[in-house]
Amino acid sequence: MSDFIAIPAITVLCYFGAELFKAFMSKDKYKHIPVLCGAVGLILGIICFLSIPGYIPAENVLVAASIGLVSGWAATGANQTWKQNTQ
């Protein structure tokens, strides 16, 4: 059961990180948000794999990094989905 908690947790953390980035940066820097979310997700995936064994469903660090990267990019998709459905 806890295997699948890491993926949405990484997505939520990246989403909040993107919101913080938007709060402190100018609009011309917004184009960097997907890259930022992907990079933060990648780092969080590796950290989860190395520090909490069994928390992230990965067999090695490369798979953990990939899961984190995709989870981070999912935060950008969630943001755009919310933005487009509320405007």
PDB file of N, CA and C in Angstrom:
ATOM      1  N   MET A   1       0.817  -1.201   0.000  1.00  0.00           N
ATOM      2  CA  MET A   1       0.000   0.000   0.000  1.00  0.00           C
ATOM      3  C   MET A   1       0.857   1.260   0.000  1.00  0.00           C
ATOM      4  N   SER A   2       1.905   1.299   0.774  1.00  0.00           N
ATOM      5  CA  SER A   2       2.733   2.503   0.847  1.00  0.00           C
ATOM      6  C   SER A   2       3.570   2.699  -0.405  1.00  0.00           C
ATOM      7  N   ASP A   3       3.632   1.661  -1.293  1.00  0.00           N
ATOM      8  CA  ASP A   3       4.403   1.799  -2.515  1.00  0.00           C
ATOM      9  C   ASP A   3       3.899   2.921  -3.406  1.00  0.00           C
ATOM     10  N   PHE A   4       2.607   3.176  -3.373  1.00  0.00           N
ATOM     11  CA  PHE A   4       2.042   4.150  -4.285  1.00  0.00           C
ATOM     12  C   PHE A   4       1.833   5.522  -3.663  1.00  0.00           C
ATOM     13  N   ILE A   5       2.203   5.687  -2.428  1.00  0.00           N
ATOM     14  CA  ILE A   5       2.061   6.988  -1.763  1.00  0.00           C
ATOM     15  C   ILE A   5       3.150   7.946  -2.219  1.00  0.00           C
ATOM     16  N   ALA A   6       4.314   7.447  -2.540  1.00  0.00           N
ATOM     17  CA  ALA A   6       5.435   8.301  -2.911  1.00  0.00           C
ATOM     18  C   ALA A   6       5.158   9.087  -4.181  1.00  0.00           C
ATOM     19  N   ILE A   7       4.483   8.491  -5.132  1.00  0.00           N
ATOM     20  CA  ILE A   7       4.281   9.144  -6.424  1.00  0.00           C
ATOM     21  C   ILE A   7       3.405  10.395  -6.288  1.00  0.00           C
ATOM     22  N   PRO A   8       2.209  10.309  -5.697  1.00  0.00           N
ATOM     23  CA  PRO A   8       1.445  11.552  -5.536  1.00  0.00           C
ATOM     24  C   PRO A   8       2.092  12.523  -4.546  1.00  0.00           C
ATOM     25  N   ALA A   9       2.841  12.007  -3.580  1.00  0.00           N
ATOM     26  CA  ALA A   9       3.511  12.907  -2.634  1.00  0.00           C
ATOM     27  C   ALA A   9       4.543  13.758  -3.361  1.00  0.00           C
ATOM     28  N   ILE A  10       5.303  13.166  -4.267  1.00  0.00           N
ATOM     29  CA  ILE A  10       6.286  13.916  -5.051  1.00  0.00           C
ATOM     30  C   ILE A  10       5.576  14.931  -5.933  1.00  0.00           C
ATOM     31  N   THR A  11       4.464  14.529  -6.540  1.00  0.00           N
ATOM     32  CA  THR A  11       3.706  15.437  -7.400  1.00  0.00           C
ATOM     33  C   THR A  11       3.200  16.648  -6.614  1.00  0.00           C
ATOM     34  N   VAL A  12       2.657  16.398  -5.441  1.00  0.00           N
ATOM     35  CA  VAL A  12       2.138  17.495  -4.614  1.00  0.00           C
ATOM     36  C   VAL A  12       3.263  18.431  -4.178  1.00  0.00           C
ATOM     37  N   LEU A  13       4.392  17.881  -3.762  1.00  0.00           N
ATOM     38  CA  LEU A  13       5.525  18.727  -3.358  1.00  0.00           C
ATOM     39  C   LEU A  13       6.024  19.579  -4.519  1.00  0.00           C
ATOM     40  N   CYS A  14       6.088  18.993  -5.704  1.00  0.00           N
ATOM     41  CA  CYS A  14       6.518  19.754  -6.879  1.00  0.00           C
ATOM     42  C   CYS A  14       5.509  20.830  -7.245  1.00  0.00           C
ATOM     43  N   TYR A  15       4.223  20.525  -7.099  1.00  0.00           N
ATOM     44  CA  TYR A  15       3.177  21.510  -7.368  1.00  0.00           C
ATOM     45  C   TYR A  15       3.321  22.712  -6.434  1.00  0.00           C
ATOM     46  N   PHE A  16       3.500  22.440  -5.145  1.00  0.00           N
ATOM     47  CA  PHE A  16       3.673  23.539  -4.196  1.00  0.00           C
ATOM     48  C   PHE A  16       4.969  24.299  -4.452  1.00  0.00           C
ATOM     49  N   GLY A  17       6.011  23.591  -4.861  1.00  0.00           N
ATOM     50  CA  GLY A  17       7.261  24.259  -5.234  1.00  0.00           C
ATOM     51  C   GLY A  17       7.072  25.188  -6.417  1.00  0.00           C
ATOM     52  N   ALA A  18       6.283  24.761  -7.395  1.00  0.00           N
ATOM     53  CA  ALA A  18       5.999  25.607  -8.557  1.00  0.00           C
ATOM     54  C   ALA A  18       5.200  26.839  -8.147  1.00  0.00           C
ATOM     55  N   GLU A  19       4.263  26.656  -7.237  1.00  0.00           N
ATOM     56  CA  GLU A  19       3.482  27.800  -6.757  1.00  0.00           C
ATOM     57  C   GLU A  19       4.372  28.799  -6.020  1.00  0.00           C
ATOM     58  N   LEU A  20       5.301  28.307  -5.228  1.00  0.00           N
ATOM     59  CA  LEU A  20       6.249  29.201  -4.559  1.00  0.00           C
ATOM     60  C   LEU A  20       7.125  29.932  -5.568  1.00  0.00           C
ATOM     61  N   PHE A  21       7.574  29.211  -6.578  1.00  0.00           N
ATOM     62  CA  PHE A  21       8.383  29.812  -7.638  1.00  0.00           C
ATOM     63  C   PHE A  21       7.607  30.945  -8.311  1.00  0.00           C
ATOM     64  N   LYS A  22       6.323  30.693  -8.600  1.00  0.00           N
ATOM     65  CA  LYS A  22       5.497  31.719  -9.235  1.00  0.00           C
ATOM     66  C   LYS A  22       5.295  32.924  -8.330  1.00  0.00           C
ATOM     67  N   ALA A  23       5.258  32.693  -7.030  1.00  0.00           N
ATOM     68  CA  ALA A  23       5.022  33.799  -6.094  1.00  0.00           C
ATOM     69  C   ALA A  23       6.212  34.749  -6.020  1.00  0.00           C
ATOM     70  N   PHE A  24       7.413  34.232  -6.274  1.00  0.00           N
ATOM     71  CA  PHE A  24       8.606  35.051  -6.099  1.00  0.00           C
ATOM     72  C   PHE A  24       9.304  35.434  -7.396  1.00  0.00           C
ATOM     73  N   MET A  25       8.861  34.920  -8.523  1.00  0.00           N
ATOM     74  CA  MET A  25       9.508  35.210  -9.800  1.00  0.00           C
ATOM     75  C   MET A  25       8.576  35.991 -10.713  1.00  0.00           C
ATOM     76  N   SER A  26       9.166  36.662 -11.676  1.00  0.00           N
ATOM     77  CA  SER A  26       8.368  37.409 -12.641  1.00  0.00           C
ATOM     78  C   SER A  26       7.773  36.459 -13.682  1.00  0.00           C
ATOM     79  N   LYS A  27       6.753  36.945 -14.404  1.00  0.00           N
ATOM     80  CA  LYS A  27       6.046  36.103 -15.366  1.00  0.00           C
ATOM     81  C   LYS A  27       6.942  35.593 -16.482  1.00  0.00           C
ATOM     82  N   ASP A  28       7.977  36.309 -16.834  1.00  0.00           N
ATOM     83  CA  ASP A  28       8.849  35.849 -17.914  1.00  0.00           C
ATOM     84  C   ASP A  28       9.659  34.613 -17.516  1.00  0.00           C
ATOM     85  N   LYS A  29       9.721  34.288 -16.244  1.00  0.00           N
ATOM     86  CA  LYS A  29      10.430  33.098 -15.762  1.00  0.00           C
ATOM     87  C   LYS A  29       9.521  31.875 -15.665  1.00  0.00           C
ATOM     88  N   TYR A  30       8.211  32.048 -15.889  1.00  0.00           N
ATOM     89  CA  TYR A  30       7.264  30.945 -15.764  1.00  0.00           C
ATOM     90  C   TYR A  30       7.562  29.794 -16.716  1.00  0.00           C
ATOM     91  N   LYS A  31       8.216  30.085 -17.841  1.00  0.00           N
ATOM     92  CA  LYS A  31       8.519  29.030 -18.812  1.00  0.00           C
ATOM     93  C   LYS A  31       9.473  27.977 -18.242  1.00  0.00           C
ATOM     94  N   HIS A  32      10.138  28.285 -17.137  1.00  0.00           N
ATOM     95  CA  HIS A  32      11.077  27.353 -16.521  1.00  0.00           C
ATOM     96  C   HIS A  32      10.404  26.402 -15.520  1.00  0.00           C
ATOM     97  N   ILE A  33       9.137  26.601 -15.255  1.00  0.00           N
ATOM     98  CA  ILE A  33       8.442  25.796 -14.243  1.00  0.00           C
ATOM     99  C   ILE A  33       8.427  24.296 -14.579  1.00  0.00           C
ATOM    100  N   PRO A  34       8.123  23.876 -15.815  1.00  0.00           N
ATOM    101  CA  PRO A  34       8.153  22.428 -16.080  1.00  0.00           C
ATOM    102  C   PRO A  34       9.523  21.792 -15.839  1.00  0.00           C
ATOM    103  N   VAL A  35      10.578  22.490 -16.218  1.00  0.00           N
ATOM    104  CA  VAL A  35      11.933  21.974 -15.990  1.00  0.00           C
ATOM    105  C   VAL A  35      12.222  21.923 -14.494  1.00  0.00           C
ATOM    106  N   LEU A  36      11.821  22.946 -13.764  1.00  0.00           N
ATOM    107  CA  LEU A  36      12.010  22.982 -12.319  1.00  0.00           C
ATOM    108  C   LEU A  36      11.262  21.830 -11.650  1.00  0.00           C
ATOM    109  N   CYS A  37      10.008  21.614 -12.033  1.00  0.00           N
ATOM    110  CA  CYS A  37       9.222  20.525 -11.442  1.00  0.00           C
ATOM    111  C   CYS A  37       9.848  19.169 -11.753  1.00  0.00           C
ATOM    112  N   GLY A  38      10.305  18.991 -12.983  1.00  0.00           N
ATOM    113  CA  GLY A  38      10.951  17.732 -13.337  1.00  0.00           C
ATOM    114  C   GLY A  38      12.228  17.496 -12.556  1.00  0.00           C
ATOM    115  N   ALA A  39      13.043  18.535 -12.416  1.00  0.00           N
ATOM    116  CA  ALA A  39      14.308  18.404 -11.686  1.00  0.00           C
ATOM    117  C   ALA A  39      14.074  18.134 -10.203  1.00  0.00           C
ATOM    118  N   VAL A  40      13.133  18.851  -9.612  1.00  0.00           N
ATOM    119  CA  VAL A  40      12.829  18.637  -8.192  1.00  0.00           C
ATOM    120  C   VAL A  40      12.262  17.239  -7.986  1.00  0.00           C
ATOM    121  N   GLY A  41      11.386  16.798  -8.884  1.00  0.00           N
ATOM    122  CA  GLY A  41      10.838  15.448  -8.795  1.00  0.00           C
ATOM    123  C   GLY A  41      11.916  14.390  -8.913  1.00  0.00           C
ATOM    124  N   LEU A  42      12.848  14.583  -9.835  1.00  0.00           N
ATOM    125  CA  LEU A  42      13.958  13.649  -9.999  1.00  0.00           C
ATOM    126  C   LEU A  42      14.770  13.537  -8.710  1.00  0.00           C
ATOM    127  N   ILE A  43      15.091  14.675  -8.129  1.00  0.00           N
ATOM    128  CA  ILE A  43      15.870  14.690  -6.882  1.00  0.00           C
ATOM    129  C   ILE A  43      15.096  14.032  -5.745  1.00  0.00           C
ATOM    130  N   LEU A  44      13.796  14.339  -5.646  1.00  0.00           N
ATOM    131  CA  LEU A  44      12.980  13.728  -4.592  1.00  0.00           C
ATOM    132  C   LEU A  44      12.857  12.216  -4.778  1.00  0.00           C
ATOM    133  N   GLY A  45      12.769  11.766  -6.022  1.00  0.00           N
ATOM    134  CA  GLY A  45      12.712  10.329  -6.278  1.00  0.00           C
ATOM    135  C   GLY A  45      13.967   9.621  -5.808  1.00  0.00           C
ATOM    136  N   ILE A  46      15.107  10.226  -6.078  1.00  0.00           N
ATOM    137  CA  ILE A  46      16.381   9.643  -5.639  1.00  0.00           C
ATOM    138  C   ILE A  46      16.487   9.672  -4.116  1.00  0.00           C
ATOM    139  N   ILE A  47      16.121  10.789  -3.514  1.00  0.00           N
ATOM    140  CA  ILE A  47      16.178  10.902  -2.052  1.00  0.00           C
ATOM    141  C   ILE A  47      15.272   9.866  -1.391  1.00  0.00           C
ATOM    142  N   CYS A  48      14.057   9.719  -1.913  1.00  0.00           N
ATOM    143  CA  CYS A  48      13.132   8.711  -1.352  1.00  0.00           C
ATOM    144  C   CYS A  48      13.713   7.312  -1.468  1.00  0.00           C
ATOM    145  N   PHE A  49      14.297   6.999  -2.610  1.00  0.00           N
ATOM    146  CA  PHE A  49      14.847   5.665  -2.825  1.00  0.00           C
ATOM    147  C   PHE A  49      15.997   5.377  -1.871  1.00  0.00           C
ATOM    148  N   LEU A  50      16.859   6.367  -1.687  1.00  0.00           N
ATOM    149  CA  LEU A  50      18.052   6.150  -0.862  1.00  0.00           C
ATOM    150  C   LEU A  50      17.785   6.245   0.638  1.00  0.00           C
ATOM    151  N   SER A  51      16.863   7.105   1.034  1.00  0.00           N
ATOM    152  CA  SER A  51      16.680   7.328   2.468  1.00  0.00           C
ATOM    153  C   SER A  51      15.562   6.501   3.099  1.00  0.00           C
ATOM    154  N   ILE A  52      14.551   6.132   2.313  1.00  0.00           N
ATOM    155  CA  ILE A  52      13.423   5.374   2.860  1.00  0.00           C
ATOM    156  C   ILE A  52      13.235   4.125   1.996  1.00  0.00           C
ATOM    157  N   PRO A  53      13.968   3.073   2.274  1.00  0.00           N
ATOM    158  CA  PRO A  53      13.862   1.857   1.451  1.00  0.00           C
ATOM    159  C   PRO A  53      12.432   1.321   1.403  1.00  0.00           C
ATOM    160  N   GLY A  54      11.986   0.980   0.206  1.00  0.00           N
ATOM    161  CA  GLY A  54      10.654   0.431   0.034  1.00  0.00           C
ATOM    162  C   GLY A  54       9.558   1.474  -0.107  1.00  0.00           C
ATOM    163  N   TYR A  55       9.861   2.748   0.092  1.00  0.00           N
ATOM    164  CA  TYR A  55       8.837   3.790   0.005  1.00  0.00           C
ATOM    165  C   TYR A  55       8.455   4.080  -1.435  1.00  0.00           C
ATOM    166  N   ILE A  56       9.428   4.046  -2.312  1.00  0.00           N
ATOM    167  CA  ILE A  56       9.179   4.295  -3.727  1.00  0.00           C
ATOM    168  C   ILE A  56       9.300   2.964  -4.475  1.00  0.00           C
ATOM    169  N   PRO A  57       8.348   2.643  -5.344  1.00  0.00           N
ATOM    170  CA  PRO A  57       8.354   1.338  -6.014  1.00  0.00           C
ATOM    171  C   PRO A  57       9.381   1.280  -7.146  1.00  0.00           C
ATOM    172  N   ALA A  58      10.643   1.152  -6.783  1.00  0.00           N
ATOM    173  CA  ALA A  58      11.711   1.124  -7.770  1.00  0.00           C
ATOM    174  C   ALA A  58      12.739   0.070  -7.391  1.00  0.00           C
ATOM    175  N   GLU A  59      13.311  -0.545  -8.409  1.00  0.00           N
ATOM    176  CA  GLU A  59      14.335  -1.567  -8.168  1.00  0.00           C
ATOM    177  C   GLU A  59      15.735  -0.987  -8.077  1.00  0.00           C
ATOM    178  N   ASN A  60      15.942   0.185  -8.676  1.00  0.00           N
ATOM    179  CA  ASN A  60      17.250   0.828  -8.619  1.00  0.00           C
ATOM    180  C   ASN A  60      17.088   2.338  -8.667  1.00  0.00           C
ATOM    181  N   VAL A  61      18.182   3.040  -8.541  1.00  0.00           N
ATOM    182  CA  VAL A  61      18.132   4.502  -8.442  1.00  0.00           C
ATOM    183  C   VAL A  61      17.696   5.150  -9.764  1.00  0.00           C
ATOM    184  N   LEU A  62      17.999   4.525 -10.893  1.00  0.00           N
ATOM    185  CA  LEU A  62      17.585   5.085 -12.175  1.00  0.00           C
ATOM    186  C   LEU A  62      16.063   5.052 -12.327  1.00  0.00           C
ATOM    187  N   VAL A  63      15.461   3.961 -11.931  1.00  0.00           N
ATOM    188  CA  VAL A  63      13.999   3.859 -11.971  1.00  0.00           C
ATOM    189  C   VAL A  63      13.378   4.854 -10.987  1.00  0.00           C
ATOM    190  N   ALA A  64      13.959   4.990  -9.821  1.00  0.00           N
ATOM    191  CA  ALA A  64      13.462   5.960  -8.839  1.00  0.00           C
ATOM    192  C   ALA A  64      13.552   7.384  -9.380  1.00  0.00           C
ATOM    193  N   ALA A  65      14.658   7.699 -10.059  1.00  0.00           N
ATOM    194  CA  ALA A  65      14.820   9.021 -10.653  1.00  0.00           C
ATOM    195  C   ALA A  65      13.772   9.247 -11.737  1.00  0.00           C
ATOM    196  N   SER A  66      13.504   8.222 -12.534  1.00  0.00           N
ATOM    197  CA  SER A  66      12.494   8.337 -13.592  1.00  0.00           C
ATOM    198  C   SER A  66      11.098   8.546 -13.012  1.00  0.00           C
ATOM    199  N   ILE A  67      10.772   7.806 -11.976  1.00  0.00           N
ATOM    200  CA  ILE A  67       9.472   7.971 -11.314  1.00  0.00           C
ATOM    201  C   ILE A  67       9.353   9.390 -10.757  1.00  0.00           C
ATOM    202  N   GLY A  68      10.407   9.882 -10.138  1.00  0.00           N
ATOM    203  CA  GLY A  68      10.391  11.242  -9.604  1.00  0.00           C
ATOM    204  C   GLY A  68      10.248  12.288 -10.688  1.00  0.00           C
ATOM    205  N   LEU A  69      10.960  12.095 -11.797  1.00  0.00           N
ATOM    206  CA  LEU A  69      10.899  13.034 -12.915  1.00  0.00           C
ATOM    207  C   LEU A  69       9.485  13.120 -13.484  1.00  0.00           C
ATOM    208  N   VAL A  70       8.882  11.982 -13.744  1.00  0.00           N
ATOM    209  CA  VAL A  70       7.525  11.963 -14.290  1.00  0.00           C
ATOM    210  C   VAL A  70       6.522  12.516 -13.275  1.00  0.00           C
ATOM    211  N   SER A  71       6.721  12.225 -12.009  1.00  0.00           N
ATOM    212  CA  SER A  71       5.837  12.767 -10.972  1.00  0.00           C
ATOM    213  C   SER A  71       5.956  14.285 -10.898  1.00  0.00           C
ATOM    214  N   GLY A  72       7.163  14.789 -11.057  1.00  0.00           N
ATOM    215  CA  GLY A  72       7.364  16.243 -11.070  1.00  0.00           C
ATOM    216  C   GLY A  72       6.684  16.894 -12.258  1.00  0.00           C
ATOM    217  N   TRP A  73       6.823  16.295 -13.420  1.00  0.00           N
ATOM    218  CA  TRP A  73       6.162  16.849 -14.607  1.00  0.00           C
ATOM    219  C   TRP A  73       4.649  16.753 -14.504  1.00  0.00           C
ATOM    220  N   ALA A  74       4.157  15.760 -13.781  1.00  0.00           N
ATOM    221  CA  ALA A  74       2.711  15.635 -13.565  1.00  0.00           C
ATOM    222  C   ALA A  74       2.175  16.837 -12.800  1.00  0.00           C
ATOM    223  N   ALA A  75       3.001  17.437 -11.971  1.00  0.00           N
ATOM    224  CA  ALA A  75       2.582  18.638 -11.234  1.00  0.00           C
ATOM    225  C   ALA A  75       2.282  19.774 -12.202  1.00  0.00           C
ATOM    226  N   THR A  76       3.064  19.898 -13.263  1.00  0.00           N
ATOM    227  CA  THR A  76       2.811  20.926 -14.264  1.00  0.00           C
ATOM    228  C   THR A  76       1.498  20.646 -14.983  1.00  0.00           C
ATOM    229  N   GLY A  77       1.262  19.375 -15.297  1.00  0.00           N
ATOM    230  CA  GLY A  77       0.002  19.001 -15.937  1.00  0.00           C
ATOM    231  C   GLY A  77      -1.186  19.266 -15.045  1.00  0.00           C
ATOM    232  N   ALA A  78      -1.051  18.977 -13.768  1.00  0.00           N
ATOM    233  CA  ALA A  78      -2.137  19.241 -12.813  1.00  0.00           C
ATOM    234  C   ALA A  78      -2.415  20.737 -12.731  1.00  0.00           C
ATOM    235  N   ASN A  79      -1.357  21.534 -12.732  1.00  0.00           N
ATOM    236  CA  ASN A  79      -1.510  22.983 -12.689  1.00  0.00           C
ATOM    237  C   ASN A  79      -2.257  23.480 -13.915  1.00  0.00           C
ATOM    238  N   GLN A  80      -1.885  23.011 -15.093  1.00  0.00           N
ATOM    239  CA  GLN A  80      -2.522  23.462 -16.322  1.00  0.00           C
ATOM    240  C   GLN A  80      -3.975  22.988 -16.408  1.00  0.00           C
ATOM    241  N   THR A  81      -4.247  21.785 -15.938  1.00  0.00           N
ATOM    242  CA  THR A  81      -5.605  21.278 -15.927  1.00  0.00           C
ATOM    243  C   THR A  81      -6.496  22.145 -15.056  1.00  0.00           C
ATOM    244  N   TRP A  82      -6.002  22.467 -13.872  1.00  0.00           N
ATOM    245  CA  TRP A  82      -6.744  23.333 -12.952  1.00  0.00           C
ATOM    246  C   TRP A  82      -6.940  24.712 -13.554  1.00  0.00           C
ATOM    247  N   LYS A  83      -5.889  25.262 -14.108  1.00  0.00           N
ATOM    248  CA  LYS A  83      -5.930  26.619 -14.669  1.00  0.00           C
ATOM    249  C   LYS A  83      -6.914  26.696 -15.832  1.00  0.00           C
ATOM    250  N   GLN A  84      -6.880  25.728 -16.731  1.00  0.00           N
ATOM    251  CA  GLN A  84      -7.744  25.773 -17.904  1.00  0.00           C
ATOM    252  C   GLN A  84      -9.199  25.475 -17.575  1.00  0.00           C
ATOM    253  N   ASN A  85      -9.456  24.715 -16.520  1.00  0.00           N
ATOM    254  CA  ASN A  85     -10.839  24.404 -16.158  1.00  0.00           C
ATOM    255  C   ASN A  85     -11.479  25.464 -15.271  1.00  0.00           C
ATOM    256  N   THR A  86     -10.685  26.364 -14.718  1.00  0.00           N
ATOM    257  CA  THR A  86     -11.257  27.396 -13.850  1.00  0.00           C
ATOM    258  C   THR A  86     -11.332  28.760 -14.529  1.00  0.00           C
ATOM    259  N   GLN A  87     -10.855  28.849 -15.736  1.00  0.00           N
ATOM    260  CA  GLN A  87     -10.909  30.152 -16.440  1.00  0.00           C
ATOM    261  C   GLN A  87     -11.975  30.161 -17.496  1.00  0.00           C
TER     262      GLN A  87
END
